[in-house]
Amino acid sequence: MKRHALLLLAVCSSISAAPQPNILVIIADDLGYADIGVQGGKAVPTPNIDALAASGVRCTNGYVTAPYCSPSRAGFLTGKAQTRFGHEFNPHVGDEATLGLPLDQRTIANVMHDAGYATALYGKWHLGFNAAHHPLSRGFDEFTGFLVGGHNFLLHKDADPEFGSAHSHNMIYRGRELQHIDGYTTDLFTDEALDFMSRKTAKPWFIYLAYNAVHTPLEIADKLKDRIPADVTDPDRRGYLSLLLGLDDDVGRITTELKAKYPNTLVFFFGDNGGSGRKPFFAYNTGLNTPLRGDKGQTLEGGIRVPFFVSWPGKLAAGTTYDQPVSAMDILPTACAVTGAKQPEGVEGVNLLPYLKGEIATPPHDTLAWRFGPQKAIRQGNWKLVDVRDMEAKTQSGWQLYDLSTDIGEENNLAAAKPELVAKLAKAWDEWNATNVPPLWHGSPNEDPTAPPKAGKAKKK
């Protein structure tokens, strides 16, 4: 018995001594589902993003919690549906000083920081403007980036900074201090992340790398213009593809450094919502979501199903796919599981690792559900019930039913043929929605028909 006890103690000591992994979360902004090579994209090569997908598990049914930038990020950062705490729309209207991720919500950065991690955000925040909502007040040790929804890519140190509650210009901050710099934001955020990795040698790190590529404005850097295919003549599409090329280049810089120096890094890559391919709505960028139907701003698959990869060399099998639905809200509990961090109250996501490793055969989620203004959706198994908004007509579809196992493009509405299933899923959505709260602020009229007429317009200061 004594020998067995000593052996058990040795095994437990070995496990506890195992080094904690670094954690890197990379988000692409408004990335089209079908624009990267691994998802079927052929317009421009994306070898580095494709290689990242091939280095681990590609989740073919990866979802975000909202079809729009800020609420999607709120869901990822807290590990729960943002409709639980009123962050339903982008915080770009009204009194900017009071808008943002509610202060009673703990973020993945809070959790990792409390677990002894060095934490940093580089890129887009879009979760509040004032000091209390600032990234440095929400668990991040370091921050370089911008605070609102959109920002120019081509930075000019001599330009006057302009602030709009939806878009800012030459307003990059390091910490809380405004910077005056030349450069290209995608490169800048990568430089900052690589520098942070090299400096934080005494403890593991958590980095949230929130690129603004491929969101508007569709600016073309000189170094990328000759790589855009000559047969692409639409100026918007050319701008989008240049941003995608720049994004892929910098993902390659990151993954090269990880491979060489930080192999014990758990990496998540996903898009914050679907590509914005419906002109002129939702910062239209020409993103393609084929074969999915719908776009950014809609609860159809094209708005909420995104490229989603998880890589951890030596821990997750490379070159594999996982076909059950997973969610960005699963990232926080997965990070807690691998680091020993304490999970906050109310987290709805799950630790994905046992599922991705094949240790658990059942799906991580029996049900996933969404609410975005008047739009609704719920998925159970392969069945999806959705009530989507037509932006041009400004009308709702009413409940539509699709079998995603045979109809990923949501083309064959089975609601009339299966009224009992519609009723069952609608009831399940109502039960889920009963624990949501009203939005804390209005969205713009596109997504929020109850909004005042001028809601959502940017203001310059």
Protein backbone atom coordinates (compact mmCIF):
# COMPACT_ATOMS: atom_id res chain seq x y z
CA MET A 1 0.00 0.00 0.00
CA LYS A 2 2.80 2.38 0.90
CA ARG A 3 4.54 1.77 -2.45
CA HIS A 4 1.27 2.37 -4.32
CA ALA A 5 0.68 5.60 -2.43
CA LEU A 6 4.16 6.83 -3.29
CA LEU A 7 3.63 5.92 -6.92
CA LEU A 8 0.33 7.81 -6.98
CA LEU A 9 2.01 10.81 -5.36
CA ALA A 10 4.73 10.75 -7.99
CA VAL A 11 2.20 10.61 -10.83
CA CYS A 12 0.18 13.49 -9.37
CA SER A 13 3.34 15.54 -8.84
CA SER A 14 4.33 14.91 -12.45
CA ILE A 15 0.91 16.07 -13.67
CA SER A 16 0.95 19.18 -11.49
CA ALA A 17 4.45 20.00 -12.72
CA ALA A 18 3.39 19.87 -16.36
CA PRO A 19 3.89 23.35 -17.85
CA GLN A 20 0.77 25.35 -18.47
CA PRO A 21 0.20 26.04 -22.15
CA ASN A 22 0.19 29.46 -23.68
CA ILE A 23 -3.18 30.35 -25.17
CA LEU A 24 -3.66 32.37 -28.35
CA VAL A 25 -7.05 33.39 -29.74
CA ILE A 26 -7.01 34.83 -33.26
CA ILE A 27 -10.16 36.48 -34.60
CA ALA A 28 -10.65 37.59 -38.19
CA ASP A 29 -13.19 40.38 -38.65
CA ASP A 30 -16.08 39.78 -41.11
CA LEU A 31 -14.23 36.92 -42.83
CA GLY A 32 -16.22 35.20 -45.56
CA TYR A 33 -16.87 31.52 -44.85
CA ALA A 34 -15.74 30.54 -48.35
CA ASP A 35 -12.85 32.93 -48.92
CA ILE A 36 -9.99 30.93 -47.39
CA GLY A 37 -8.50 27.96 -49.18
CA VAL A 38 -9.34 25.32 -46.60
CA GLN A 39 -12.99 26.35 -46.89
CA GLY A 40 -12.95 26.22 -50.69
CA GLY A 41 -11.72 29.73 -51.47
CA LYS A 42 -9.81 30.14 -54.72
CA ALA A 43 -9.64 33.91 -55.32
CA VAL A 44 -6.29 34.30 -53.57
CA PRO A 45 -4.10 31.72 -51.82
CA THR A 46 -4.23 31.56 -48.02
CA PRO A 47 -1.50 29.00 -47.29
CA ASN A 48 -0.79 30.09 -43.73
CA ILE A 49 -4.38 30.06 -42.51
CA ASP A 50 -4.84 26.73 -44.29
CA ALA A 51 -1.71 25.35 -42.58
CA LEU A 52 -3.01 26.47 -39.19
CA ALA A 53 -6.25 24.59 -39.87
CA ALA A 54 -4.26 21.52 -40.94
CA SER A 55 -2.11 21.64 -37.80
CA GLY A 56 -5.07 20.74 -35.60
CA VAL A 57 -8.83 20.26 -35.72
CA ARG A 58 -11.07 22.08 -38.19
CA CYS A 59 -14.56 22.37 -36.71
CA THR A 60 -16.95 22.18 -39.65
CA ASN A 61 -19.91 23.34 -37.54
CA GLY A 62 -18.26 26.20 -35.69
CA TYR A 63 -20.60 28.95 -34.51
CA VAL A 64 -20.45 32.35 -32.89
CA THR A 65 -23.09 33.63 -30.49
CA ALA A 66 -24.22 36.54 -32.69
CA PRO A 67 -24.03 37.55 -36.36
CA TYR A 68 -22.50 40.91 -35.48
CA CYS A 69 -19.13 42.15 -34.24
CA SER A 70 -19.49 43.37 -30.66
CA PRO A 71 -22.13 40.92 -29.33
CA SER A 72 -20.19 38.03 -30.87
CA ARG A 73 -17.05 39.12 -29.02
CA ALA A 74 -19.02 39.56 -25.79
CA GLY A 75 -20.16 35.95 -26.06
CA PHE A 76 -16.64 34.65 -26.66
CA LEU A 77 -15.08 36.71 -23.87
CA THR A 78 -17.62 35.66 -21.23
CA GLY A 79 -18.37 32.09 -22.29
CA LYS A 80 -22.10 32.70 -22.40
CA ALA A 81 -24.81 34.13 -24.64
CA GLN A 82 -24.53 37.91 -24.56
CA THR A 83 -28.32 38.15 -24.50
CA ARG A 84 -28.10 36.91 -20.90
CA PHE A 85 -26.69 40.31 -19.92
CA GLY A 86 -28.11 42.72 -22.50
CA HIS A 87 -25.16 43.09 -24.89
CA GLU A 88 -27.32 42.39 -27.93
CA PHE A 89 -26.12 45.10 -30.32
CA ASN A 90 -22.99 47.04 -31.13
CA PRO A 91 -22.34 49.77 -28.51
CA HIS A 92 -22.22 52.63 -30.98
CA VAL A 93 -25.20 54.79 -30.10
CA GLY A 94 -26.17 57.08 -27.27
CA ASP A 95 -23.77 57.98 -24.45
CA GLU A 96 -20.51 56.26 -25.36
CA ALA A 97 -19.23 56.61 -21.79
CA THR A 98 -21.83 54.16 -20.48
CA LEU A 99 -21.94 51.62 -23.29
CA GLY A 100 -20.01 48.38 -23.43
CA LEU A 101 -19.58 44.93 -21.93
CA PRO A 102 -21.40 45.19 -18.57
CA LEU A 103 -18.95 45.66 -15.74
CA ASP A 104 -20.35 42.74 -13.74
CA GLN A 105 -19.23 40.31 -16.45
CA ARG A 106 -15.85 38.61 -16.05
CA THR A 107 -13.83 38.03 -19.19
CA ILE A 108 -11.48 35.26 -20.22
CA ALA A 109 -8.68 37.78 -19.64
CA ASN A 110 -9.80 38.26 -16.02
CA VAL A 111 -9.81 34.51 -15.57
CA MET A 112 -6.39 33.93 -17.16
CA HIS A 113 -4.86 36.85 -15.29
CA ASP A 114 -6.09 35.46 -11.97
CA ALA A 115 -4.58 32.09 -12.92
CA GLY A 116 -1.14 33.69 -13.20
CA TYR A 117 -1.06 34.37 -16.94
CA ALA A 118 0.33 37.44 -18.63
CA THR A 119 -2.55 38.77 -20.73
CA ALA A 120 -2.71 41.02 -23.79
CA LEU A 121 -5.09 42.26 -26.46
CA TYR A 122 -3.85 43.49 -29.81
CA GLY A 123 -6.34 44.87 -32.32
CA LYS A 124 -10.05 45.56 -32.13
CA TRP A 125 -11.86 45.93 -28.80
CA HIS A 126 -15.39 47.24 -29.60
CA LEU A 127 -16.73 46.52 -26.11
CA GLY A 128 -16.80 49.97 -24.57
CA PHE A 129 -15.14 53.36 -24.75
CA ASN A 130 -14.65 54.83 -21.29
CA ALA A 131 -12.00 54.02 -18.67
CA ALA A 132 -14.07 51.42 -16.84
CA HIS A 133 -14.81 49.50 -20.05
CA HIS A 134 -11.26 49.77 -21.42
CA PRO A 135 -9.33 46.52 -22.04
CA LEU A 136 -6.88 47.39 -19.26
CA SER A 137 -9.85 47.44 -16.88
CA ARG A 138 -11.17 44.08 -18.11
CA GLY A 139 -8.27 41.74 -17.34
CA PHE A 140 -5.69 42.63 -19.98
CA ASP A 141 -2.20 43.62 -18.84
CA GLU A 142 -1.36 45.17 -22.19
CA PHE A 143 -3.35 46.59 -25.08
CA THR A 144 -2.46 48.07 -28.44
CA GLY A 145 -5.33 48.71 -30.78
CA PHE A 146 -8.54 50.67 -31.24
CA LEU A 147 -11.70 50.85 -29.18
CA VAL A 148 -14.54 50.98 -31.72
CA GLY A 149 -15.93 48.83 -34.52
CA GLY A 150 -13.83 49.87 -37.50
CA HIS A 151 -10.50 51.53 -38.16
CA ASN A 152 -8.35 52.47 -41.14
CA PHE A 153 -5.53 50.06 -42.01
CA LEU A 154 -3.06 52.56 -43.47
CA LEU A 155 -1.82 54.57 -40.50
CA HIS A 156 -0.38 58.09 -40.85
CA LYS A 157 1.40 59.60 -37.86
CA ASP A 158 0.84 63.16 -39.06
CA ALA A 159 -2.91 62.76 -39.63
CA ASP A 160 -5.44 64.21 -37.22
CA PRO A 161 -7.15 61.43 -35.26
CA GLU A 162 -10.89 61.16 -35.80
CA PHE A 163 -13.30 59.40 -33.46
CA GLY A 164 -16.64 57.97 -34.45
CA SER A 165 -18.63 55.64 -32.25
CA ALA A 166 -18.69 53.11 -35.10
CA HIS A 167 -15.39 53.93 -36.82
CA SER A 168 -12.21 55.75 -35.86
CA HIS A 169 -9.33 57.00 -37.95
CA ASN A 170 -5.68 57.12 -36.85
CA MET A 171 -6.72 56.42 -33.25
CA ILE A 172 -4.47 53.56 -32.21
CA TYR A 173 -3.81 53.35 -28.49
CA ARG A 174 -0.96 51.72 -26.61
CA GLY A 175 -2.44 51.18 -23.21
CA ARG A 176 -4.53 54.30 -22.66
CA GLU A 177 -2.22 56.60 -24.63
CA LEU A 178 -2.98 57.69 -28.18
CA GLN A 179 -0.20 56.86 -30.63
CA HIS A 180 0.96 58.75 -33.69
CA ILE A 181 2.47 56.15 -36.00
CA ASP A 182 2.88 55.12 -39.59
CA GLY A 183 2.16 51.55 -40.60
CA TYR A 184 -0.37 48.89 -41.47
CA THR A 185 -2.62 47.70 -38.67
CA THR A 186 -2.41 43.98 -39.48
CA ASP A 187 1.39 44.13 -39.28
CA LEU A 188 1.32 46.36 -36.20
CA PHE A 189 -0.86 43.99 -34.20
CA THR A 190 1.33 41.04 -35.21
CA ASP A 191 4.49 42.92 -34.22
CA GLU A 192 3.00 43.70 -30.83
CA ALA A 193 1.95 40.10 -30.22
CA LEU A 194 5.38 38.73 -31.17
CA ASP A 195 7.07 41.27 -28.92
CA PHE A 196 4.81 40.32 -26.00
CA MET A 197 5.64 36.64 -26.46
CA SER A 198 9.36 37.37 -26.38
CA ARG A 199 9.12 39.50 -23.22
CA LYS A 200 6.85 37.28 -21.13
CA THR A 201 9.23 34.46 -20.31
CA ALA A 202 8.56 34.18 -16.58
CA LYS A 203 4.95 33.04 -16.88
CA PRO A 204 2.58 31.58 -19.50
CA TRP A 205 0.70 34.05 -21.64
CA PHE A 206 -2.78 34.57 -23.04
CA ILE A 207 -3.05 36.70 -26.18
CA TYR A 208 -6.25 37.83 -27.85
CA LEU A 209 -5.17 38.82 -31.36
CA ALA A 210 -8.17 40.63 -32.80
CA TYR A 211 -7.31 41.64 -36.35
CA ASN A 212 -9.54 44.20 -38.05
CA ALA A 213 -8.90 42.45 -41.37
CA VAL A 214 -11.05 41.91 -43.41
CA HIS A 215 -13.50 44.56 -42.18
CA THR A 216 -13.97 47.83 -44.04
CA PRO A 217 -12.42 50.22 -45.03
CA LEU A 218 -11.14 48.15 -47.95
CA GLU A 219 -7.75 49.82 -48.17
CA ILE A 220 -4.93 48.38 -50.27
CA ALA A 221 -1.37 48.52 -48.98
CA ASP A 222 1.27 49.15 -51.65
CA LYS A 223 3.10 45.95 -50.74
CA LEU A 224 0.00 43.86 -51.50
CA LYS A 225 -1.50 45.47 -54.59
CA ASP A 226 0.53 43.45 -57.11
CA ARG A 227 -0.69 40.17 -55.59
CA ILE A 228 -4.36 40.85 -56.24
CA PRO A 229 -5.47 38.88 -59.33
CA ALA A 230 -5.67 41.13 -62.38
CA ASP A 231 -9.00 39.63 -63.42
CA VAL A 232 -10.63 40.97 -60.24
CA THR A 233 -11.85 44.39 -61.29
CA ASP A 234 -14.41 45.29 -58.63
CA PRO A 235 -12.63 47.84 -56.38
CA ASP A 236 -14.35 46.55 -53.24
CA ARG A 237 -13.40 42.95 -53.96
CA ARG A 238 -9.83 43.97 -54.72
CA GLY A 239 -9.63 45.76 -51.39
CA TYR A 240 -11.08 42.78 -49.55
CA LEU A 241 -8.65 40.35 -51.15
CA SER A 242 -5.71 42.58 -50.30
CA LEU A 243 -6.77 42.56 -46.65
CA LEU A 244 -7.10 38.78 -46.79
CA LEU A 245 -3.60 38.44 -48.25
CA GLY A 246 -2.22 40.64 -45.50
CA LEU A 247 -4.07 38.63 -42.85
CA ASP A 248 -2.68 35.37 -44.17
CA ASP A 249 0.86 36.74 -44.27
CA ASP A 250 0.67 37.75 -40.63
CA VAL A 251 -0.93 34.52 -39.48
CA GLY A 252 2.13 32.92 -41.07
CA ARG A 253 4.46 35.14 -39.06
CA ILE A 254 2.67 34.14 -35.87
CA THR A 255 2.58 30.40 -36.56
CA THR A 256 6.24 30.34 -37.62
CA GLU A 257 7.21 31.87 -34.28
CA LEU A 258 4.97 29.47 -32.35
CA LYS A 259 6.50 26.46 -34.08
CA ALA A 260 10.04 27.65 -33.43
CA LYS A 261 9.74 28.92 -29.86
CA TYR A 262 6.34 28.23 -28.30
CA PRO A 263 5.14 24.76 -29.34
CA ASN A 264 3.10 24.37 -26.14
CA THR A 265 0.46 26.85 -27.30
CA LEU A 266 -3.25 26.17 -27.61
CA VAL A 267 -4.49 28.19 -30.59
CA PHE A 268 -8.06 29.08 -31.55
CA PHE A 269 -8.83 30.77 -34.87
CA PHE A 270 -12.31 31.86 -35.90
CA GLY A 271 -14.30 34.65 -37.57
CA ASP A 272 -16.39 36.97 -35.42
CA ASN A 273 -19.37 36.52 -37.78
CA GLY A 274 -20.06 35.73 -41.41
CA GLY A 275 -18.75 37.71 -44.34
CA SER A 276 -20.59 40.94 -45.12
CA GLY A 277 -21.74 40.18 -48.63
CA ARG A 278 -25.07 42.03 -48.78
CA LYS A 279 -24.56 45.52 -50.19
CA PRO A 280 -24.98 48.10 -48.68
CA PHE A 281 -25.60 46.61 -45.23
CA PHE A 282 -23.33 45.91 -42.26
CA ALA A 283 -20.04 47.35 -43.57
CA TYR A 284 -20.29 45.50 -46.88
CA ASN A 285 -16.94 43.93 -47.80
CA THR A 286 -17.79 41.40 -50.61
CA GLY A 287 -17.20 38.41 -48.29
CA LEU A 288 -18.44 35.09 -49.72
CA ASN A 289 -20.25 32.62 -47.47
CA THR A 290 -20.94 29.88 -50.05
CA PRO A 291 -22.51 27.35 -49.65
CA LEU A 292 -24.19 28.99 -46.71
CA ARG A 293 -27.20 31.26 -47.11
CA GLY A 294 -27.18 34.72 -45.61
CA ASP A 295 -24.59 37.18 -44.42
CA LYS A 296 -23.30 39.13 -41.45
CA GLY A 297 -26.25 40.50 -39.51
CA GLN A 298 -28.54 37.50 -40.12
CA THR A 299 -29.25 34.39 -38.07
CA LEU A 300 -29.01 32.24 -41.19
CA GLU A 301 -25.93 30.00 -41.34
CA GLY A 302 -24.06 32.62 -43.38
CA GLY A 303 -24.22 35.01 -40.44
CA ILE A 304 -23.33 32.70 -37.54
CA ARG A 305 -21.36 29.69 -38.89
CA VAL A 306 -17.70 30.61 -39.29
CA PRO A 307 -14.28 29.10 -40.02
CA PHE A 308 -13.21 27.63 -36.66
CA PHE A 309 -9.89 25.86 -35.96
CA VAL A 310 -8.27 24.53 -32.79
CA SER A 311 -4.58 23.62 -32.78
CA TRP A 312 -2.37 22.28 -29.98
CA PRO A 313 0.66 20.35 -31.26
CA GLY A 314 1.09 16.98 -29.59
CA LYS A 315 -2.27 17.24 -27.83
CA LEU A 316 -4.74 17.42 -30.71
CA ALA A 317 -4.41 15.30 -33.83
CA ALA A 318 -3.34 17.31 -36.86
CA GLY A 319 -5.30 17.22 -40.09
CA THR A 320 -8.58 16.22 -38.50
CA THR A 321 -12.12 17.57 -38.61
CA TYR A 322 -14.86 17.66 -35.99
CA ASP A 323 -18.43 17.79 -37.27
CA GLN A 324 -20.59 18.39 -34.19
CA PRO A 325 -21.67 21.97 -33.43
CA VAL A 326 -19.23 23.96 -31.30
CA SER A 327 -19.36 27.59 -30.20
CA ALA A 328 -16.98 30.44 -29.53
CA MET A 329 -18.37 30.47 -25.98
CA ASP A 330 -16.58 27.12 -25.51
CA ILE A 331 -13.17 28.79 -25.61
CA LEU A 332 -13.28 30.19 -22.07
CA PRO A 333 -14.18 26.88 -20.35
CA THR A 334 -11.63 25.05 -22.50
CA ALA A 335 -8.96 27.51 -21.39
CA CYS A 336 -10.02 27.03 -17.77
CA ALA A 337 -9.76 23.26 -18.11
CA VAL A 338 -6.20 23.28 -19.47
CA THR A 339 -4.88 25.94 -17.09
CA GLY A 340 -6.68 25.09 -13.86
CA ALA A 341 -8.27 28.54 -13.82
CA LYS A 342 -11.52 29.03 -11.93
CA GLN A 343 -14.52 29.21 -14.24
CA PRO A 344 -16.87 32.16 -13.65
CA GLU A 345 -20.50 31.70 -12.69
CA GLY A 346 -23.04 31.26 -15.47
CA VAL A 347 -20.70 30.00 -18.19
CA GLU A 348 -22.66 28.13 -20.86
CA GLY A 349 -19.80 26.87 -22.99
CA VAL A 350 -18.07 23.53 -22.45
CA ASN A 351 -14.51 22.24 -22.43
CA LEU A 352 -14.02 21.08 -26.02
CA LEU A 353 -10.86 19.02 -25.59
CA PRO A 354 -12.45 15.66 -24.68
CA TYR A 355 -14.73 16.01 -27.70
CA LEU A 356 -12.00 17.02 -30.11
CA LYS A 357 -9.83 14.15 -28.86
CA GLY A 358 -12.63 11.62 -29.39
CA GLU A 359 -12.90 10.81 -25.70
CA ILE A 360 -16.59 11.80 -25.63
CA ALA A 361 -18.78 10.72 -28.53
CA THR A 362 -21.90 12.74 -27.74
CA PRO A 363 -22.22 16.33 -29.04
CA PRO A 364 -20.91 19.13 -26.81
CA HIS A 365 -24.27 20.93 -27.08
CA ASP A 366 -27.77 19.49 -27.28
CA THR A 367 -29.02 22.91 -28.34
CA LEU A 368 -27.57 26.19 -29.57
CA ALA A 369 -29.82 29.23 -29.81
CA TRP A 370 -29.59 32.84 -30.96
CA ARG A 371 -31.44 36.14 -30.64
CA PHE A 372 -30.48 39.28 -32.53
CA GLY A 373 -33.22 41.86 -32.32
CA PRO A 374 -36.30 40.33 -33.98
CA GLN A 375 -34.22 37.52 -35.49
CA LYS A 376 -34.24 34.11 -33.85
CA ALA A 377 -32.65 30.71 -34.41
CA ILE A 378 -32.23 27.40 -32.66
CA ARG A 379 -30.31 24.29 -33.65
CA GLN A 380 -30.94 20.82 -32.19
CA GLY A 381 -29.05 18.02 -33.87
CA ASN A 382 -29.29 18.63 -37.60
CA TRP A 383 -32.52 20.60 -37.34
CA LYS A 384 -32.49 24.37 -37.41
CA LEU A 385 -35.45 26.67 -36.89
CA VAL A 386 -34.85 30.27 -37.93
CA ASP A 387 -36.76 33.54 -38.24
CA VAL A 388 -34.56 35.83 -40.34
CA ARG A 389 -34.74 39.49 -41.32
CA ASP A 390 -34.83 40.62 -44.94
CA MET A 391 -32.79 43.82 -44.78
CA GLU A 392 -34.06 45.26 -48.06
CA ALA A 393 -37.75 44.62 -47.38
CA LYS A 394 -37.39 45.19 -43.62
CA THR A 395 -39.57 42.17 -42.90
CA GLN A 396 -39.26 38.94 -40.93
CA SER A 397 -39.56 35.51 -42.53
CA GLY A 398 -41.40 33.86 -39.69
CA TRP A 399 -40.25 30.43 -38.55
CA GLN A 400 -38.49 28.40 -41.25
CA LEU A 401 -37.23 24.84 -40.72
CA TYR A 402 -34.17 23.26 -42.31
CA ASP A 403 -32.37 19.93 -42.13
CA LEU A 404 -28.72 21.00 -42.15
CA SER A 405 -27.48 17.46 -42.77
CA THR A 406 -28.87 17.61 -46.31
CA ASP A 407 -29.45 21.34 -46.78
CA ILE A 408 -26.51 23.38 -45.52
CA GLY A 409 -27.67 26.25 -47.73
CA GLU A 410 -31.08 26.48 -46.01
CA GLU A 411 -32.95 26.32 -49.31
CA ASN A 412 -35.71 23.76 -48.61
CA ASN A 413 -38.05 25.12 -45.93
CA LEU A 414 -39.75 22.15 -44.25
CA ALA A 415 -41.88 24.14 -41.80
CA ALA A 416 -45.18 23.38 -43.55
CA ALA A 417 -44.38 19.68 -43.79
CA LYS A 418 -43.31 19.30 -40.15
CA PRO A 419 -45.51 21.56 -37.99
CA GLU A 420 -45.01 19.44 -34.87
CA LEU A 421 -41.24 19.79 -35.11
CA VAL A 422 -41.61 23.54 -35.64
CA ALA A 423 -43.75 23.76 -32.50
CA LYS A 424 -41.27 21.71 -30.49
CA LEU A 425 -38.27 23.78 -31.52
CA ALA A 426 -40.15 27.07 -31.12
CA LYS A 427 -41.04 26.04 -27.58
CA ALA A 428 -37.40 25.19 -26.89
CA TRP A 429 -36.36 28.62 -28.20
CA ASP A 430 -38.97 30.31 -25.97
CA GLU A 431 -37.64 28.42 -22.94
CA TRP A 432 -34.08 29.48 -23.78
CA ASN A 433 -35.17 33.07 -24.38
CA ALA A 434 -36.99 33.23 -21.05
CA THR A 435 -33.63 33.61 -19.31
CA ASN A 436 -32.44 36.40 -21.60
CA VAL A 437 -32.83 40.07 -20.71
CA PRO A 438 -33.85 43.07 -22.83
CA PRO A 439 -31.07 44.85 -24.72
CA LEU A 440 -29.26 47.50 -22.67
CA TRP A 441 -29.15 49.81 -25.68
CA HIS A 442 -30.58 50.06 -29.18
CA GLY A 443 -28.85 48.85 -32.31
CA SER A 444 -29.02 50.63 -35.63
CA PRO A 445 -32.35 50.43 -37.51
CA ASN A 446 -31.09 47.62 -39.79
CA GLU A 447 -30.99 45.08 -37.01
CA ASP A 448 -33.19 46.82 -34.43
CA PRO A 449 -36.55 48.01 -35.84
CA THR A 450 -37.36 49.59 -32.47
CA ALA A 451 -34.38 51.93 -32.70
CA PRO A 452 -34.84 55.70 -33.00
CA PRO A 453 -34.38 56.87 -36.60
CA LYS A 454 -30.87 58.26 -36.09
CA ALA A 455 -29.54 55.40 -33.93
CA GLY A 456 -26.21 53.96 -34.96
CA LYS A 457 -24.80 57.00 -36.78
CA ALA A 458 -21.17 57.71 -35.97
CA LYS A 459 -20.24 60.96 -34.30
CA LYS A 460 -16.89 62.70 -34.68
CA LYS A 461 -15.10 64.43 -31.88
